[in-house]
């Protein structure tokens, strides 16, 4: 069943009404909470920087973390090595 709910998220002093799947509510709220945590940390550290620049820095930090996670979870090099070793083993056993 497609169980949608409407919620309001508060980030950077603004309210964002969104419609989400009910089962995603906890994750969506946690994401907004993480944005607020990073915003507040940057605001505290860079008190004279305009909010739009702080938001850009937070977006950059999240994008960088996302790319690092994608890179960390890239299994292609391991898959290629396993295929190579499988080929070596198959060739060896064919000779036996």
PDB file of N, CA and C in Angstrom:
ATOM      1  N   UNK A   1       0.843  -1.181   0.000  1.00  0.00           N
ATOM      2  CA  UNK A   1       0.000   0.000   0.000  1.00  0.00           C
ATOM      3  C   UNK A   1       0.888   1.244   0.000  1.00  0.00           C
ATOM      4  N   UNK A   2       0.473   2.253  -0.706  1.00  0.00           N
ATOM      5  CA  UNK A   2       1.219   3.497  -0.809  1.00  0.00           C
ATOM      6  C   UNK A   2       0.717   4.463   0.268  1.00  0.00           C
ATOM      7  N   UNK A   3       1.266   4.355   1.464  1.00  0.00           N
ATOM      8  CA  UNK A   3       0.809   5.125   2.614  1.00  0.00           C
ATOM      9  C   UNK A   3       1.619   6.408   2.732  1.00  0.00           C
ATOM     10  N   UNK A   4       1.078   7.513   2.212  1.00  0.00           N
ATOM     11  CA  UNK A   4       1.765   8.804   2.219  1.00  0.00           C
ATOM     12  C   UNK A   4       1.309   9.643   3.399  1.00  0.00           C
ATOM     13  N   UNK A   5       2.250  10.436   3.925  1.00  0.00           N
ATOM     14  CA  UNK A   5       1.924  11.392   4.981  1.00  0.00           C
ATOM     15  C   UNK A   5       2.559  12.730   4.641  1.00  0.00           C
ATOM     16  N   UNK A   6       1.986  13.793   5.186  1.00  0.00           N
ATOM     17  CA  UNK A   6       2.535  15.131   5.012  1.00  0.00           C
ATOM     18  C   UNK A   6       3.196  15.533   6.317  1.00  0.00           C
ATOM     19  N   UNK A   7       4.442  16.012   6.204  1.00  0.00           N
ATOM     20  CA  UNK A   7       5.152  16.487   7.390  1.00  0.00           C
ATOM     21  C   UNK A   7       5.790  17.833   7.064  1.00  0.00           C
ATOM     22  N   UNK A   8       6.176  18.549   8.098  1.00  0.00           N
ATOM     23  CA  UNK A   8       6.904  19.802   7.947  1.00  0.00           C
ATOM     24  C   UNK A   8       8.298  19.617   8.530  1.00  0.00           C
ATOM     25  N   UNK A   9       9.289  19.948   7.730  1.00  0.00           N
ATOM     26  CA  UNK A   9      10.666  19.909   8.204  1.00  0.00           C
ATOM     27  C   UNK A   9      11.142  21.327   8.412  1.00  0.00           C
ATOM     28  N   UNK A  10      11.873  21.565   9.505  1.00  0.00           N
ATOM     29  CA  UNK A  10      12.445  22.882   9.761  1.00  0.00           C
ATOM     30  C   UNK A  10      13.949  22.781   9.598  1.00  0.00           C
ATOM     31  N   UNK A  11      14.446  23.612   8.678  1.00  0.00           N
ATOM     32  CA  UNK A  11      15.883  23.683   8.451  1.00  0.00           C
ATOM     33  C   UNK A  11      16.234  25.130   8.125  1.00  0.00           C
ATOM     34  N   UNK A  12      17.319  25.589   8.698  1.00  0.00           N
ATOM     35  CA  UNK A  12      17.826  26.934   8.426  1.00  0.00           C
ATOM     36  C   UNK A  12      16.765  28.006   8.654  1.00  0.00           C
ATOM     37  N   UNK A  13      15.927  27.798   9.653  1.00  0.00           N
ATOM     38  CA  UNK A  13      14.922  28.789  10.004  1.00  0.00           C
ATOM     39  C   UNK A  13      13.713  28.818   9.095  1.00  0.00           C
ATOM     40  N   UNK A  14      13.585  27.857   8.216  1.00  0.00           N
ATOM     41  CA  UNK A  14      12.440  27.809   7.305  1.00  0.00           C
ATOM     42  C   UNK A  14      11.721  26.476   7.447  1.00  0.00           C
ATOM     43  N   UNK A  15      10.447  26.478   7.076  1.00  0.00           N
ATOM     44  CA  UNK A  15       9.639  25.271   7.140  1.00  0.00           C
ATOM     45  C   UNK A  15       9.449  24.737   5.724  1.00  0.00           C
ATOM     46  N   UNK A  16       9.599  23.419   5.584  1.00  0.00           N
ATOM     47  CA  UNK A  16       9.478  22.765   4.290  1.00  0.00           C
ATOM     48  C   UNK A  16       8.419  21.666   4.380  1.00  0.00           C
ATOM     49  N   UNK A  17       7.214  21.927   3.876  1.00  0.00           N
ATOM     50  CA  UNK A  17       6.186  20.882   3.883  1.00  0.00           C
ATOM     51  C   UNK A  17       6.481  19.879   2.768  1.00  0.00           C
ATOM     52  N   UNK A  18       6.505  18.609   3.126  1.00  0.00           N
ATOM     53  CA  UNK A  18       6.757  17.569   2.130  1.00  0.00           C
ATOM     54  C   UNK A  18       5.817  16.388   2.360  1.00  0.00           C
ATOM     55  N   UNK A  19       5.601  15.635   1.303  1.00  0.00           N
ATOM     56  CA  UNK A  19       4.816  14.408   1.377  1.00  0.00           C
ATOM     57  C   UNK A  19       5.769  13.245   1.153  1.00  0.00           C
ATOM     58  N   UNK A  20       5.725  12.291   2.076  1.00  0.00           N
ATOM     59  CA  UNK A  20       6.652  11.161   2.029  1.00  0.00           C
ATOM     60  C   UNK A  20       5.903   9.863   2.313  1.00  0.00           C
ATOM     61  N   UNK A  21       6.564   8.758   2.049  1.00  0.00           N
ATOM     62  CA  UNK A  21       6.033   7.464   2.476  1.00  0.00           C
ATOM     63  C   UNK A  21       6.159   7.368   3.985  1.00  0.00           C
ATOM     64  N   UNK A  22       5.141   6.852   4.612  1.00  0.00           N
ATOM     65  CA  UNK A  22       5.128   6.756   6.077  1.00  0.00           C
ATOM     66  C   UNK A  22       6.368   6.039   6.617  1.00  0.00           C
ATOM     67  N   UNK A  23       6.797   4.976   5.930  1.00  0.00           N
ATOM     68  CA  UNK A  23       7.941   4.212   6.429  1.00  0.00           C
ATOM     69  C   UNK A  23       9.258   4.986   6.319  1.00  0.00           C
ATOM     70  N   UNK A  24       9.278   6.081   5.573  1.00  0.00           N
ATOM     71  CA  UNK A  24      10.485   6.889   5.423  1.00  0.00           C
ATOM     72  C   UNK A  24      10.570   8.043   6.423  1.00  0.00           C
ATOM     73  N   UNK A  25       9.545   8.221   7.238  1.00  0.00           N
ATOM     74  CA  UNK A  25       9.493   9.395   8.107  1.00  0.00           C
ATOM     75  C   UNK A  25      10.708   9.512   9.027  1.00  0.00           C
ATOM     76  N   UNK A  26      11.078   8.457   9.686  1.00  0.00           N
ATOM     77  CA  UNK A  26      12.203   8.518  10.621  1.00  0.00           C
ATOM     78  C   UNK A  26      13.494   8.926   9.907  1.00  0.00           C
ATOM     79  N   UNK A  27      13.750   8.341   8.743  1.00  0.00           N
ATOM     80  CA  UNK A  27      14.955   8.659   7.990  1.00  0.00           C
ATOM     81  C   UNK A  27      14.932  10.112   7.496  1.00  0.00           C
ATOM     82  N   UNK A  28      13.785  10.567   7.017  1.00  0.00           N
ATOM     83  CA  UNK A  28      13.653  11.933   6.514  1.00  0.00           C
ATOM     84  C   UNK A  28      13.877  12.936   7.640  1.00  0.00           C
ATOM     85  N   UNK A  29      13.286  12.672   8.774  1.00  0.00           N
ATOM     86  CA  UNK A  29      13.470  13.582   9.919  1.00  0.00           C
ATOM     87  C   UNK A  29      14.925  13.567  10.411  1.00  0.00           C
ATOM     88  N   UNK A  30      15.551  12.412  10.399  1.00  0.00           N
ATOM     89  CA  UNK A  30      16.961  12.316  10.801  1.00  0.00           C
ATOM     90  C   UNK A  30      17.848  13.087   9.829  1.00  0.00           C
ATOM     91  N   UNK A  31      17.541  13.026   8.542  1.00  0.00           N
ATOM     92  CA  UNK A  31      18.311  13.780   7.550  1.00  0.00           C
ATOM     93  C   UNK A  31      18.201  15.276   7.820  1.00  0.00           C
ATOM     94  N   UNK A  32      16.997  15.751   8.093  1.00  0.00           N
ATOM     95  CA  UNK A  32      16.807  17.168   8.403  1.00  0.00           C
ATOM     96  C   UNK A  32      17.546  17.547   9.688  1.00  0.00           C
ATOM     97  N   UNK A  33      17.536  16.648  10.654  1.00  0.00           N
ATOM     98  CA  UNK A  33      18.256  16.890  11.907  1.00  0.00           C
ATOM     99  C   UNK A  33      19.756  17.014  11.654  1.00  0.00           C
ATOM    100  N   UNK A  34      20.286  16.135  10.791  1.00  0.00           N
ATOM    101  CA  UNK A  34      21.715  16.191  10.469  1.00  0.00           C
ATOM    102  C   UNK A  34      22.066  17.502   9.759  1.00  0.00           C
ATOM    103  N   UNK A  35      21.188  17.972   8.892  1.00  0.00           N
ATOM    104  CA  UNK A  35      21.413  19.264   8.232  1.00  0.00           C
ATOM    105  C   UNK A  35      21.480  20.371   9.282  1.00  0.00           C
ATOM    106  N   UNK A  36      20.541  20.374  10.210  1.00  0.00           N
ATOM    107  CA  UNK A  36      20.521  21.398  11.257  1.00  0.00           C
ATOM    108  C   UNK A  36      21.785  21.340  12.123  1.00  0.00           C
ATOM    109  N   UNK A  37      22.231  20.143  12.453  1.00  0.00           N
ATOM    110  CA  UNK A  37      23.444  19.990  13.267  1.00  0.00           C
ATOM    111  C   UNK A  37      24.639  20.600  12.544  1.00  0.00           C
ATOM    112  N   UNK A  38      24.792  20.280  11.269  1.00  0.00           N
ATOM    113  CA  UNK A  38      25.923  20.823  10.502  1.00  0.00           C
ATOM    114  C   UNK A  38      25.792  22.332  10.315  1.00  0.00           C
ATOM    115  N   UNK A  39      24.570  22.793  10.037  1.00  0.00           N
ATOM    116  CA  UNK A  39      24.349  24.236   9.907  1.00  0.00           C
ATOM    117  C   UNK A  39      24.750  24.962  11.179  1.00  0.00           C
ATOM    118  N   UNK A  40      24.297  24.461  12.302  1.00  0.00           N
ATOM    119  CA  UNK A  40      24.607  25.109  13.577  1.00  0.00           C
ATOM    120  C   UNK A  40      26.100  25.100  13.874  1.00  0.00           C
ATOM    121  N   UNK A  41      26.769  24.009  13.533  1.00  0.00           N
ATOM    122  CA  UNK A  41      28.216  23.938  13.753  1.00  0.00           C
ATOM    123  C   UNK A  41      28.937  24.978  12.891  1.00  0.00           C
ATOM    124  N   UNK A  42      28.548  25.088  11.626  1.00  0.00           N
ATOM    125  CA  UNK A  42      29.161  26.090  10.747  1.00  0.00           C
ATOM    126  C   UNK A  42      28.823  27.507  11.206  1.00  0.00           C
ATOM    127  N   UNK A  43      27.572  27.724  11.602  1.00  0.00           N
ATOM    128  CA  UNK A  43      27.168  29.061  12.078  1.00  0.00           C
ATOM    129  C   UNK A  43      28.000  29.485  13.285  1.00  0.00           C
ATOM    130  N   UNK A  44      28.242  28.532  14.175  1.00  0.00           N
ATOM    131  CA  UNK A  44      29.021  28.838  15.374  1.00  0.00           C
ATOM    132  C   UNK A  44      30.471  29.155  15.019  1.00  0.00           C
ATOM    133  N   UNK A  45      31.014  28.416  14.073  1.00  0.00           N
ATOM    134  CA  UNK A  45      32.417  28.581  13.708  1.00  0.00           C
ATOM    135  C   UNK A  45      32.639  29.783  12.789  1.00  0.00           C
ATOM    136  N   UNK A  46      31.688  30.045  11.897  1.00  0.00           N
ATOM    137  CA  UNK A  46      31.799  31.141  10.924  1.00  0.00           C
ATOM    138  C   UNK A  46      30.676  32.141  11.161  1.00  0.00           C
ATOM    139  N   UNK A  47      30.754  32.881  12.247  1.00  0.00           N
ATOM    140  CA  UNK A  47      29.669  33.764  12.661  1.00  0.00           C
ATOM    141  C   UNK A  47      29.439  34.936  11.713  1.00  0.00           C
ATOM    142  N   UNK A  48      30.436  35.354  10.970  1.00  0.00           N
ATOM    143  CA  UNK A  48      30.288  36.507  10.085  1.00  0.00           C
ATOM    144  C   UNK A  48      30.025  36.123   8.632  1.00  0.00           C
ATOM    145  N   UNK A  49      29.788  34.855   8.385  1.00  0.00           N
ATOM    146  CA  UNK A  49      29.534  34.390   7.019  1.00  0.00           C
ATOM    147  C   UNK A  49      28.019  34.344   6.793  1.00  0.00           C
ATOM    148  N   UNK A  50      27.550  34.859   5.646  1.00  0.00           N
ATOM    149  CA  UNK A  50      26.104  34.842   5.372  1.00  0.00           C
ATOM    150  C   UNK A  50      25.546  33.419   5.314  1.00  0.00           C
ATOM    151  N   UNK A  51      24.273  33.298   5.687  1.00  0.00           N
ATOM    152  CA  UNK A  51      23.615  31.994   5.773  1.00  0.00           C
ATOM    153  C   UNK A  51      23.680  31.228   4.454  1.00  0.00           C
ATOM    154  N   UNK A  52      23.493  31.914   3.312  1.00  0.00           N
ATOM    155  CA  UNK A  52      23.500  31.188   2.040  1.00  0.00           C
ATOM    156  C   UNK A  52      24.865  30.560   1.764  1.00  0.00           C
ATOM    157  N   UNK A  53      25.934  31.182   2.220  1.00  0.00           N
ATOM    158  CA  UNK A  53      27.267  30.585   2.045  1.00  0.00           C
ATOM    159  C   UNK A  53      27.456  29.403   2.982  1.00  0.00           C
ATOM    160  N   UNK A  54      26.918  29.503   4.175  1.00  0.00           N
ATOM    161  CA  UNK A  54      26.989  28.387   5.126  1.00  0.00           C
ATOM    162  C   UNK A  54      26.211  27.200   4.581  1.00  0.00           C
ATOM    163  N   UNK A  55      25.034  27.454   4.015  1.00  0.00           N
ATOM    164  CA  UNK A  55      24.235  26.381   3.428  1.00  0.00           C
ATOM    165  C   UNK A  55      25.011  25.710   2.297  1.00  0.00           C
ATOM    166  N   UNK A  56      25.701  26.502   1.476  1.00  0.00           N
ATOM    167  CA  UNK A  56      26.512  25.934   0.396  1.00  0.00           C
ATOM    168  C   UNK A  56      27.627  25.061   0.961  1.00  0.00           C
ATOM    169  N   UNK A  57      28.249  25.478   2.051  1.00  0.00           N
ATOM    170  CA  UNK A  57      29.319  24.693   2.664  1.00  0.00           C
ATOM    171  C   UNK A  57      28.772  23.377   3.220  1.00  0.00           C
ATOM    172  N   UNK A  58      27.582  23.426   3.812  1.00  0.00           N
ATOM    173  CA  UNK A  58      26.956  22.210   4.336  1.00  0.00           C
ATOM    174  C   UNK A  58      26.602  21.267   3.185  1.00  0.00           C
ATOM    175  N   UNK A  59      26.052  21.812   2.106  1.00  0.00           N
ATOM    176  CA  UNK A  59      25.722  20.979   0.936  1.00  0.00           C
ATOM    177  C   UNK A  59      26.981  20.329   0.381  1.00  0.00           C
ATOM    178  N   UNK A  60      28.060  21.102   0.306  1.00  0.00           N
ATOM    179  CA  UNK A  60      29.333  20.555  -0.174  1.00  0.00           C
ATOM    180  C   UNK A  60      29.805  19.418   0.734  1.00  0.00           C
ATOM    181  N   UNK A  61      29.720  19.604   2.042  1.00  0.00           N
ATOM    182  CA  UNK A  61      30.179  18.579   2.972  1.00  0.00           C
ATOM    183  C   UNK A  61      29.370  17.290   2.799  1.00  0.00           C
ATOM    184  N   UNK A  62      28.054  17.413   2.674  1.00  0.00           N
ATOM    185  CA  UNK A  62      27.232  16.221   2.464  1.00  0.00           C
ATOM    186  C   UNK A  62      27.548  15.558   1.130  1.00  0.00           C
ATOM    187  N   UNK A  63      27.752  16.346   0.077  1.00  0.00           N
ATOM    188  CA  UNK A  63      28.083  15.782  -1.237  1.00  0.00           C
ATOM    189  C   UNK A  63      29.417  15.045  -1.183  1.00  0.00           C
ATOM    190  N   UNK A  64      30.396  15.625  -0.521  1.00  0.00           N
ATOM    191  CA  UNK A  64      31.703  14.997  -0.389  1.00  0.00           C
ATOM    192  C   UNK A  64      31.597  13.680   0.374  1.00  0.00           C
ATOM    193  N   UNK A  65      30.863  13.674   1.474  1.00  0.00           N
ATOM    194  CA  UNK A  65      30.677  12.449   2.254  1.00  0.00           C
ATOM    195  C   UNK A  65      29.973  11.380   1.414  1.00  0.00           C
ATOM    196  N   UNK A  66      28.993  11.789   0.623  1.00  0.00           N
ATOM    197  CA  UNK A  66      28.268  10.853  -0.238  1.00  0.00           C
ATOM    198  C   UNK A  66      29.211  10.224  -1.258  1.00  0.00           C
ATOM    199  N   UNK A  67      30.051  11.043  -1.889  1.00  0.00           N
ATOM    200  CA  UNK A  67      31.004  10.520  -2.871  1.00  0.00           C
ATOM    201  C   UNK A  67      32.027   9.597  -2.227  1.00  0.00           C
ATOM    202  N   UNK A  68      32.472   9.945  -1.022  1.00  0.00           N
ATOM    203  CA  UNK A  68      33.429   9.084  -0.326  1.00  0.00           C
ATOM    204  C   UNK A  68      32.801   7.738   0.004  1.00  0.00           C
ATOM    205  N   UNK A  69      31.534   7.730   0.398  1.00  0.00           N
ATOM    206  CA  UNK A  69      30.847   6.475   0.690  1.00  0.00           C
ATOM    207  C   UNK A  69      30.676   5.637  -0.564  1.00  0.00           C
ATOM    208  N   UNK A  70      30.321   6.282  -1.684  1.00  0.00           N
ATOM    209  CA  UNK A  70      30.191   5.552  -2.942  1.00  0.00           C
ATOM    210  C   UNK A  70      31.525   4.928  -3.324  1.00  0.00           C
ATOM    211  N   UNK A  71      32.601   5.694  -3.179  1.00  0.00           N
ATOM    212  CA  UNK A  71      33.929   5.201  -3.516  1.00  0.00           C
ATOM    213  C   UNK A  71      34.319   4.048  -2.600  1.00  0.00           C
ATOM    214  N   UNK A  72      33.986   4.173  -1.330  1.00  0.00           N
ATOM    215  CA  UNK A  72      34.304   3.144  -0.336  1.00  0.00           C
ATOM    216  C   UNK A  72      33.545   1.848  -0.619  1.00  0.00           C
ATOM    217  N   UNK A  73      32.329   1.973  -1.137  1.00  0.00           N
ATOM    218  CA  UNK A  73      31.488   0.803  -1.388  1.00  0.00           C
ATOM    219  C   UNK A  73      31.640   0.248  -2.796  1.00  0.00           C
ATOM    220  N   UNK A  74      32.581   0.774  -3.568  1.00  0.00           N
ATOM    221  CA  UNK A  74      32.795   0.304  -4.928  1.00  0.00           C
ATOM    222  C   UNK A  74      33.483  -1.061  -4.884  1.00  0.00           C
ATOM    223  N   UNK A  75      32.766  -2.083  -5.292  1.00  0.00           N
ATOM    224  CA  UNK A  75      33.308  -3.447  -5.233  1.00  0.00           C
ATOM    225  C   UNK A  75      33.886  -3.903  -6.573  1.00  0.00           C
ATOM    226  N   UNK A  76      33.841  -3.050  -7.588  1.00  0.00           N
ATOM    227  CA  UNK A  76      34.315  -3.434  -8.924  1.00  0.00           C
ATOM    228  C   UNK A  76      35.755  -3.935  -8.921  1.00  0.00           C
ATOM    229  N   UNK A  77      36.707  -3.269  -8.254  1.00  0.00           N
ATOM    230  CA  UNK A  77      38.073  -3.801  -8.271  1.00  0.00           C
ATOM    231  C   UNK A  77      38.169  -5.205  -7.684  1.00  0.00           C
ATOM    232  N   UNK A  78      37.396  -5.478  -6.645  1.00  0.00           N
ATOM    233  CA  UNK A  78      37.412  -6.801  -6.025  1.00  0.00           C
ATOM    234  C   UNK A  78      36.772  -7.835  -6.938  1.00  0.00           C
ATOM    235  N   UNK A  79      35.688  -7.455  -7.576  1.00  0.00           N
ATOM    236  CA  UNK A  79      35.014  -8.361  -8.503  1.00  0.00           C
ATOM    237  C   UNK A  79      35.940  -8.719  -9.662  1.00  0.00           C
ATOM    238  N   UNK A  80      36.640  -7.733 -10.198  1.00  0.00           N
ATOM    239  CA  UNK A  80      37.570  -7.984 -11.305  1.00  0.00           C
ATOM    240  C   UNK A  80      38.685  -8.931 -10.868  1.00  0.00           C
ATOM    241  N   UNK A  81      39.208  -8.731  -9.667  1.00  0.00           N
ATOM    242  CA  UNK A  81      40.281  -9.594  -9.166  1.00  0.00           C
ATOM    243  C   UNK A  81      39.771 -11.021  -8.950  1.00  0.00           C
ATOM    244  N   UNK A  82      38.576 -11.153  -8.414  1.00  0.00           N
ATOM    245  CA  UNK A  82      37.993 -12.483  -8.195  1.00  0.00           C
ATOM    246  C   UNK A  82      37.801 -13.188  -9.534  1.00  0.00           C
ATOM    247  N   UNK A  83      37.324 -12.467 -10.547  1.00  0.00           N
ATOM    248  CA  UNK A  83      37.154 -13.064 -11.876  1.00  0.00           C
ATOM    249  C   UNK A  83      38.500 -13.493 -12.451  1.00  0.00           C
ATOM    250  N   UNK A  84      39.517 -12.672 -12.256  1.00  0.00           N
ATOM    251  CA  UNK A  84      40.858 -13.008 -12.740  1.00  0.00           C
ATOM    252  C   UNK A  84      41.366 -14.279 -12.062  1.00  0.00           C
ATOM    253  N   UNK A  85      41.239 -14.340 -10.742  1.00  0.00           N
ATOM    254  CA  UNK A  85      41.702 -15.508  -9.996  1.00  0.00           C
ATOM    255  C   UNK A  85      40.889 -16.746 -10.341  1.00  0.00           C
ATOM    256  N   UNK A  86      39.606 -16.582 -10.590  1.00  0.00           N
ATOM    257  CA  UNK A  86      38.765 -17.703 -11.003  1.00  0.00           C
ATOM    258  C   UNK A  86      39.261 -18.265 -12.327  1.00  0.00           C
ATOM    259  N   UNK A  87      39.609 -17.361 -13.247  1.00  0.00           N
ATOM    260  CA  UNK A  87      40.159 -17.798 -14.536  1.00  0.00           C
ATOM    261  C   UNK A  87      41.450 -18.571 -14.368  1.00  0.00           C
ATOM    262  N   UNK A  88      42.318 -18.098 -13.487  1.00  0.00           N
ATOM    263  CA  UNK A  88      43.587 -18.788 -13.224  1.00  0.00           C
ATOM    264  C   UNK A  88      43.319 -20.174 -12.645  1.00  0.00           C
ATOM    265  N   UNK A  89      42.403 -20.262 -11.685  1.00  0.00           N
ATOM    266  CA  UNK A  89      42.073 -21.557 -11.080  1.00  0.00           C
ATOM    267  C   UNK A  89      41.453 -22.508 -12.092  1.00  0.00           C
ATOM    268  N   UNK A  90      40.546 -22.010 -12.924  1.00  0.00           N
ATOM    269  CA  UNK A  90      39.919 -22.860 -13.929  1.00  0.00           C
ATOM    270  C   UNK A  90      40.958 -23.393 -14.912  1.00  0.00           C
ATOM    271  N   UNK A  91      41.872 -22.547 -15.324  1.00  0.00           N
ATOM    272  CA  UNK A  91      42.940 -22.979 -16.247  1.00  0.00           C
ATOM    273  C   UNK A  91      43.812 -24.034 -15.567  1.00  0.00           C
ATOM    274  N   UNK A  92      44.134 -23.841 -14.317  1.00  0.00           N
ATOM    275  CA  UNK A  92      44.965 -24.799 -13.581  1.00  0.00           C
ATOM    276  C   UNK A  92      44.273 -26.161 -13.505  1.00  0.00           C
ATOM    277  N   UNK A  93      42.987 -26.152 -13.144  1.00  0.00           N
ATOM    278  CA  UNK A  93      42.289 -27.430 -12.983  1.00  0.00           C
ATOM    279  C   UNK A  93      42.037 -28.119 -14.322  1.00  0.00           C
ATOM    280  N   UNK A  94      41.952 -27.370 -15.404  1.00  0.00           N
ATOM    281  CA  UNK A  94      41.818 -27.997 -16.714  1.00  0.00           C
ATOM    282  C   UNK A  94      43.070 -28.750 -17.100  1.00  0.00           C
ATOM    283  N   UNK A  95      44.226 -28.250 -16.628  1.00  0.00           N
ATOM    284  CA  UNK A  95      45.498 -28.907 -16.923  1.00  0.00           C
ATOM    285  C   UNK A  95      45.674 -30.193 -16.119  1.00  0.00           C
ATOM    286  N   UNK A  96      44.989 -30.323 -15.028  1.00  0.00           N
ATOM    287  CA  UNK A  96      45.155 -31.493 -14.138  1.00  0.00           C
ATOM    288  C   UNK A  96      44.435 -32.696 -14.618  1.00  0.00           C
TER     289      UNK A  96
END
